[in-house]
């Protein structure tokens, strides 16, 4: 079973990074906000670790700059919130799709009739 919280040293070891890098990324990326325990130490959840992994991939593998990675994450968050269609939009879209399918069916039926005439 996975732990609920990880210390900064555990996360740094997992990601093979220095602790100061994690602390710096916290200041640069608003989506990384670890909680703190009663002693004031950072405690990271799985979500925080996933965010660190994404940032690490963007910076180290894809060679993004800090600014570019921050913008990419901002755009990613924006696009994920925009993809949730409203119920009225979804119904209008379904009606439009249904009408299109009916037109296609009618066209195919006419095509089949024409083909059968020349057999």
N, C-alpha and C. Protein backbone atom coordinates (compact mmCIF):
# COMPACT_ATOMS: atom_id res chain seq x y z
N UNK A 1 0.84 -1.18 0.00
CA UNK A 1 0.00 0.00 0.00
C UNK A 1 0.89 1.25 0.00
N UNK A 2 0.56 2.20 -0.81
CA UNK A 2 1.34 3.43 -0.91
C UNK A 2 1.08 4.30 0.32
N UNK A 3 2.08 5.11 0.62
CA UNK A 3 1.94 6.04 1.74
C UNK A 3 1.07 7.22 1.33
N UNK A 4 0.46 7.86 2.31
CA UNK A 4 -0.33 9.06 2.03
C UNK A 4 0.56 10.28 1.84
N UNK A 5 1.63 10.34 2.62
CA UNK A 5 2.52 11.49 2.58
C UNK A 5 3.97 11.03 2.48
N UNK A 6 4.77 11.81 1.74
CA UNK A 6 6.19 11.53 1.59
C UNK A 6 6.98 12.77 2.01
N UNK A 7 8.15 12.55 2.57
CA UNK A 7 9.01 13.67 2.94
C UNK A 7 9.75 14.16 1.70
N UNK A 8 10.36 15.33 1.82
CA UNK A 8 11.08 15.89 0.68
C UNK A 8 12.26 15.01 0.30
N UNK A 9 12.89 14.38 1.28
CA UNK A 9 14.04 13.52 0.96
C UNK A 9 13.57 12.26 0.21
N UNK A 10 12.41 11.72 0.57
CA UNK A 10 11.89 10.56 -0.13
C UNK A 10 11.55 10.90 -1.59
N UNK A 11 10.93 12.05 -1.79
CA UNK A 11 10.56 12.47 -3.14
C UNK A 11 11.83 12.75 -3.96
N UNK A 12 12.80 13.42 -3.35
CA UNK A 12 14.04 13.70 -4.04
C UNK A 12 14.74 12.41 -4.46
N UNK A 13 14.73 11.41 -3.60
CA UNK A 13 15.33 10.12 -3.93
C UNK A 13 14.57 9.43 -5.06
N UNK A 14 13.23 9.48 -5.01
CA UNK A 14 12.40 8.86 -6.05
C UNK A 14 12.70 9.44 -7.42
N UNK A 15 12.84 10.76 -7.47
CA UNK A 15 13.00 11.45 -8.74
C UNK A 15 14.47 11.66 -9.12
N UNK A 16 15.36 11.24 -8.23
CA UNK A 16 16.80 11.40 -8.42
C UNK A 16 17.16 12.87 -8.66
N UNK A 17 16.61 13.72 -7.79
CA UNK A 17 16.88 15.15 -7.82
C UNK A 17 17.36 15.60 -6.45
N UNK A 18 17.92 16.77 -6.39
CA UNK A 18 18.31 17.36 -5.11
C UNK A 18 17.09 18.04 -4.49
N UNK A 19 17.09 18.11 -3.16
CA UNK A 19 15.96 18.70 -2.46
C UNK A 19 15.77 20.18 -2.83
N UNK A 20 16.86 20.89 -3.04
CA UNK A 20 16.74 22.31 -3.36
C UNK A 20 16.05 22.52 -4.72
N UNK A 21 16.18 21.54 -5.63
CA UNK A 21 15.50 21.63 -6.92
C UNK A 21 13.99 21.55 -6.71
N UNK A 22 13.56 20.63 -5.85
CA UNK A 22 12.13 20.50 -5.56
C UNK A 22 11.59 21.79 -4.93
N UNK A 23 12.35 22.34 -3.99
CA UNK A 23 11.90 23.58 -3.34
C UNK A 23 11.82 24.72 -4.36
N UNK A 24 12.78 24.77 -5.28
CA UNK A 24 12.76 25.81 -6.32
C UNK A 24 11.55 25.63 -7.23
N UNK A 25 11.28 24.40 -7.65
CA UNK A 25 10.14 24.16 -8.53
C UNK A 25 8.83 24.55 -7.86
N UNK A 26 8.76 24.39 -6.55
CA UNK A 26 7.55 24.81 -5.83
C UNK A 26 7.30 26.30 -6.00
N UNK A 27 8.37 27.08 -6.05
CA UNK A 27 8.21 28.53 -6.21
C UNK A 27 7.87 28.91 -7.64
N UNK A 28 8.26 28.08 -8.60
CA UNK A 28 8.07 28.40 -10.01
C UNK A 28 6.78 27.86 -10.61
N UNK A 29 6.25 26.79 -10.04
CA UNK A 29 5.06 26.15 -10.61
C UNK A 29 3.92 26.17 -9.59
N UNK A 30 2.87 26.94 -9.89
CA UNK A 30 1.77 27.09 -8.93
C UNK A 30 0.98 25.81 -8.68
N UNK A 31 1.09 24.82 -9.55
CA UNK A 31 0.33 23.58 -9.34
C UNK A 31 1.01 22.66 -8.33
N UNK A 32 2.19 23.02 -7.85
CA UNK A 32 2.87 22.22 -6.83
C UNK A 32 2.79 22.98 -5.51
N UNK A 33 1.93 22.51 -4.65
CA UNK A 33 1.73 23.15 -3.34
C UNK A 33 1.70 22.06 -2.26
N UNK A 34 2.84 21.69 -1.71
CA UNK A 34 2.81 20.65 -0.68
C UNK A 34 2.23 21.17 0.63
N UNK A 35 1.66 20.26 1.37
CA UNK A 35 1.20 20.61 2.72
C UNK A 35 2.40 20.63 3.64
N UNK A 36 2.18 21.13 4.84
CA UNK A 36 3.24 21.09 5.85
C UNK A 36 2.68 20.42 7.10
N UNK A 37 3.53 19.65 7.77
CA UNK A 37 3.08 19.00 9.00
C UNK A 37 3.20 19.97 10.18
N UNK A 38 2.92 19.49 11.37
CA UNK A 38 2.95 20.36 12.55
C UNK A 38 4.33 20.95 12.81
N UNK A 39 5.35 20.21 12.41
CA UNK A 39 6.72 20.68 12.61
C UNK A 39 7.14 21.68 11.52
N UNK A 40 6.29 21.86 10.51
CA UNK A 40 6.60 22.80 9.45
C UNK A 40 7.34 22.16 8.28
N UNK A 41 7.50 20.85 8.29
CA UNK A 41 8.18 20.16 7.20
C UNK A 41 7.21 19.90 6.05
N UNK A 42 7.73 19.96 4.84
CA UNK A 42 6.90 19.69 3.67
C UNK A 42 6.52 18.22 3.64
N UNK A 43 5.27 17.97 3.31
CA UNK A 43 4.80 16.60 3.11
C UNK A 43 4.08 16.55 1.76
N UNK A 44 4.48 15.60 0.95
CA UNK A 44 3.99 15.52 -0.42
C UNK A 44 3.01 14.37 -0.59
N UNK A 45 1.95 14.64 -1.35
CA UNK A 45 0.98 13.61 -1.70
C UNK A 45 1.35 13.06 -3.08
N UNK A 46 0.66 11.99 -3.48
CA UNK A 46 0.90 11.39 -4.79
C UNK A 46 0.70 12.41 -5.91
N UNK A 47 -0.30 13.27 -5.76
CA UNK A 47 -0.56 14.29 -6.78
C UNK A 47 0.64 15.21 -6.95
N UNK A 48 1.25 15.60 -5.84
CA UNK A 48 2.44 16.46 -5.90
C UNK A 48 3.58 15.75 -6.63
N UNK A 49 3.74 14.47 -6.34
CA UNK A 49 4.81 13.70 -6.97
C UNK A 49 4.56 13.58 -8.47
N UNK A 50 3.30 13.37 -8.87
CA UNK A 50 2.97 13.31 -10.29
C UNK A 50 3.26 14.64 -10.97
N UNK A 51 2.96 15.74 -10.29
CA UNK A 51 3.26 17.06 -10.84
C UNK A 51 4.77 17.25 -11.01
N UNK A 52 5.54 16.81 -10.02
CA UNK A 52 7.00 16.88 -10.12
C UNK A 52 7.50 16.05 -11.31
N UNK A 53 6.93 14.87 -11.49
CA UNK A 53 7.36 14.01 -12.60
C UNK A 53 7.07 14.67 -13.94
N UNK A 54 5.92 15.33 -14.04
CA UNK A 54 5.57 16.02 -15.27
C UNK A 54 6.53 17.18 -15.53
N UNK A 55 6.81 17.96 -14.50
CA UNK A 55 7.74 19.08 -14.64
C UNK A 55 9.13 18.55 -15.02
N UNK A 56 9.55 17.48 -14.38
CA UNK A 56 10.85 16.89 -14.68
C UNK A 56 10.92 16.44 -16.14
N UNK A 57 9.86 15.83 -16.62
CA UNK A 57 9.82 15.39 -18.01
C UNK A 57 9.89 16.58 -18.96
N UNK A 58 9.13 17.62 -18.67
CA UNK A 58 9.13 18.80 -19.53
C UNK A 58 10.50 19.47 -19.56
N UNK A 59 11.12 19.61 -18.40
CA UNK A 59 12.39 20.33 -18.33
C UNK A 59 13.57 19.49 -18.80
N UNK A 60 13.63 18.23 -18.39
CA UNK A 60 14.81 17.42 -18.66
C UNK A 60 14.74 16.64 -19.97
N UNK A 61 13.57 16.11 -20.30
CA UNK A 61 13.45 15.30 -21.50
C UNK A 61 13.05 16.13 -22.72
N UNK A 62 12.05 16.98 -22.55
CA UNK A 62 11.56 17.77 -23.68
C UNK A 62 12.28 19.10 -23.82
N UNK A 63 13.17 19.41 -22.89
CA UNK A 63 14.03 20.60 -22.94
C UNK A 63 13.25 21.92 -22.94
N UNK A 64 12.15 21.95 -22.21
CA UNK A 64 11.41 23.20 -22.04
C UNK A 64 12.20 24.12 -21.12
N UNK A 65 11.99 25.43 -21.26
CA UNK A 65 12.49 26.36 -20.25
C UNK A 65 11.49 26.37 -19.10
N UNK A 66 11.88 26.96 -17.99
CA UNK A 66 10.94 27.08 -16.85
C UNK A 66 9.69 27.83 -17.30
N UNK A 67 9.90 28.93 -17.99
CA UNK A 67 8.77 29.75 -18.45
C UNK A 67 7.90 28.95 -19.41
N UNK A 68 8.51 28.23 -20.33
CA UNK A 68 7.77 27.43 -21.30
C UNK A 68 6.99 26.30 -20.64
N UNK A 69 7.60 25.65 -19.65
CA UNK A 69 6.93 24.57 -18.93
C UNK A 69 5.75 25.12 -18.13
N UNK A 70 5.94 26.28 -17.51
CA UNK A 70 4.86 26.90 -16.74
C UNK A 70 3.69 27.21 -17.67
N UNK A 71 3.97 27.76 -18.86
CA UNK A 71 2.92 28.09 -19.83
C UNK A 71 2.23 26.81 -20.33
N UNK A 72 3.01 25.78 -20.59
CA UNK A 72 2.46 24.50 -21.06
C UNK A 72 1.47 23.94 -20.03
N UNK A 73 1.86 23.96 -18.75
CA UNK A 73 0.98 23.45 -17.70
C UNK A 73 -0.27 24.31 -17.55
N UNK A 74 -0.10 25.62 -17.72
CA UNK A 74 -1.25 26.53 -17.65
C UNK A 74 -2.22 26.23 -18.79
N UNK A 75 -1.69 26.04 -20.01
CA UNK A 75 -2.53 25.72 -21.16
C UNK A 75 -3.19 24.36 -21.01
N UNK A 76 -2.45 23.41 -20.45
CA UNK A 76 -2.98 22.06 -20.23
C UNK A 76 -4.17 22.11 -19.27
N UNK A 77 -4.02 22.88 -18.21
CA UNK A 77 -5.11 23.02 -17.24
C UNK A 77 -6.32 23.71 -17.87
N UNK A 78 -6.04 24.75 -18.67
CA UNK A 78 -7.12 25.49 -19.33
C UNK A 78 -7.87 24.59 -20.31
N UNK A 79 -7.16 23.80 -21.09
CA UNK A 79 -7.82 22.94 -22.08
C UNK A 79 -8.61 21.82 -21.41
N UNK A 80 -8.14 21.33 -20.28
CA UNK A 80 -8.87 20.27 -19.59
C UNK A 80 -10.17 20.79 -18.99
N UNK A 81 -10.20 22.06 -18.57
CA UNK A 81 -11.43 22.61 -18.02
C UNK A 81 -12.41 23.00 -19.12
N UNK A 82 -11.90 23.31 -20.32
CA UNK A 82 -12.79 23.69 -21.43
C UNK A 82 -13.41 22.49 -22.10
N UNK A 83 -12.89 21.29 -21.91
CA UNK A 83 -13.39 20.10 -22.58
C UNK A 83 -14.66 19.55 -21.95
N UNK A 84 -15.10 20.10 -20.84
CA UNK A 84 -16.31 19.63 -20.20
C UNK A 84 -17.52 20.30 -20.86
N UNK A 85 -18.25 19.60 -21.75
CA UNK A 85 -19.37 20.23 -22.44
C UNK A 85 -20.56 20.41 -21.51
N UNK A 86 -21.29 21.46 -21.78
CA UNK A 86 -22.52 21.66 -21.01
C UNK A 86 -23.60 20.78 -21.59
N UNK A 87 -24.64 20.55 -20.84
CA UNK A 87 -25.70 19.65 -21.25
C UNK A 87 -26.42 20.18 -22.49
N UNK A 88 -26.69 21.49 -22.56
CA UNK A 88 -27.40 22.05 -23.70
C UNK A 88 -26.54 21.96 -24.96
N UNK A 89 -25.26 22.23 -24.85
CA UNK A 89 -24.37 22.12 -26.00
C UNK A 89 -24.33 20.68 -26.48
N UNK A 90 -24.29 19.75 -25.55
CA UNK A 90 -24.22 18.34 -25.90
C UNK A 90 -25.48 17.90 -26.64
N UNK A 91 -26.65 18.36 -26.19
CA UNK A 91 -27.91 18.00 -26.86
C UNK A 91 -27.96 18.57 -28.27
N UNK A 92 -27.55 19.82 -28.46
CA UNK A 92 -27.54 20.43 -29.78
C UNK A 92 -26.58 19.67 -30.69
N UNK A 93 -25.46 19.29 -30.16
CA UNK A 93 -24.47 18.55 -30.93
C UNK A 93 -25.03 17.20 -31.34
N UNK A 94 -25.73 16.53 -30.43
CA UNK A 94 -26.33 15.23 -30.75
C UNK A 94 -27.38 15.34 -31.85
N UNK A 95 -28.20 16.41 -31.81
CA UNK A 95 -29.21 16.61 -32.85
C UNK A 95 -28.56 16.86 -34.20
N UNK A 96 -27.52 17.66 -34.20
CA UNK A 96 -26.80 17.95 -35.43
C UNK A 96 -26.18 16.67 -35.99
N UNK A 97 -25.59 15.86 -35.12
CA UNK A 97 -24.99 14.59 -35.55
C UNK A 97 -26.06 13.65 -36.10
N UNK A 98 -27.21 13.62 -35.47
CA UNK A 98 -28.31 12.77 -35.92
C UNK A 98 -28.79 13.19 -37.30
N UNK A 99 -28.95 14.50 -37.50
CA UNK A 99 -29.37 14.99 -38.82
C UNK A 99 -28.34 14.66 -39.89
N UNK A 100 -27.08 14.81 -39.56
CA UNK A 100 -26.02 14.47 -40.51
C UNK A 100 -26.07 12.99 -40.87
N UNK A 101 -26.25 12.14 -39.87
CA UNK A 101 -26.32 10.70 -40.12
C UNK A 101 -27.53 10.34 -41.00
N UNK A 102 -28.64 11.03 -40.77
CA UNK A 102 -29.83 10.77 -41.59
C UNK A 102 -29.56 11.14 -43.05
N UNK A 103 -28.87 12.27 -43.27
CA UNK A 103 -28.54 12.69 -44.63
C UNK A 103 -27.59 11.69 -45.29
N UNK A 104 -26.63 11.21 -44.54
CA UNK A 104 -25.69 10.22 -45.08
C UNK A 104 -26.43 8.94 -45.44
N UNK A 105 -27.32 8.51 -44.57
CA UNK A 105 -28.10 7.29 -44.83
C UNK A 105 -28.93 7.45 -46.10
N UNK A 106 -29.56 8.59 -46.25
CA UNK A 106 -30.38 8.85 -47.44
C UNK A 106 -29.50 8.83 -48.70
N UNK A 107 -28.35 9.45 -48.62
CA UNK A 107 -27.43 9.45 -49.76
C UNK A 107 -26.95 8.05 -50.12
N UNK A 108 -26.64 7.25 -49.12
CA UNK A 108 -26.20 5.88 -49.37
C UNK A 108 -27.32 5.02 -49.95
N UNK A 109 -28.53 5.25 -49.46
CA UNK A 109 -29.68 4.51 -49.99
C UNK A 109 -29.87 4.85 -51.47
N UNK A 110 -29.78 6.13 -51.83
CA UNK A 110 -29.90 6.55 -53.23
C UNK A 110 -28.78 5.92 -54.07
N UNK A 111 -27.59 5.89 -53.55
CA UNK A 111 -26.45 5.30 -54.26
C UNK A 111 -26.67 3.82 -54.49
N UNK A 112 -27.15 3.11 -53.47
CA UNK A 112 -27.43 1.69 -53.59
C UNK A 112 -28.51 1.43 -54.65
N UNK A 113 -29.55 2.26 -54.66
CA UNK A 113 -30.62 2.13 -55.65
C UNK A 113 -30.05 2.31 -57.06
N UNK A 114 -29.21 3.31 -57.24
CA UNK A 114 -28.61 3.57 -58.56
C UNK A 114 -27.73 2.41 -58.99
N UNK A 115 -26.96 1.86 -58.10
CA UNK A 115 -26.08 0.72 -58.41
C UNK A 115 -26.91 -0.49 -58.82
N UNK A 116 -28.01 -0.73 -58.11
CA UNK A 116 -28.84 -1.89 -58.40
C UNK A 116 -29.53 -1.76 -59.75
N UNK A 117 -29.79 -0.55 -60.23
CA UNK A 117 -30.40 -0.33 -61.54
C UNK A 117 -29.48 -0.85 -62.65
N UNK A 118 -28.17 -0.66 -62.48
CA UNK A 118 -27.23 -1.00 -63.54
C UNK A 118 -26.65 -2.39 -63.42
N UNK A 119 -27.15 -3.20 -62.52
CA UNK A 119 -26.67 -4.59 -62.39
C UNK A 119 -27.32 -5.48 -63.38
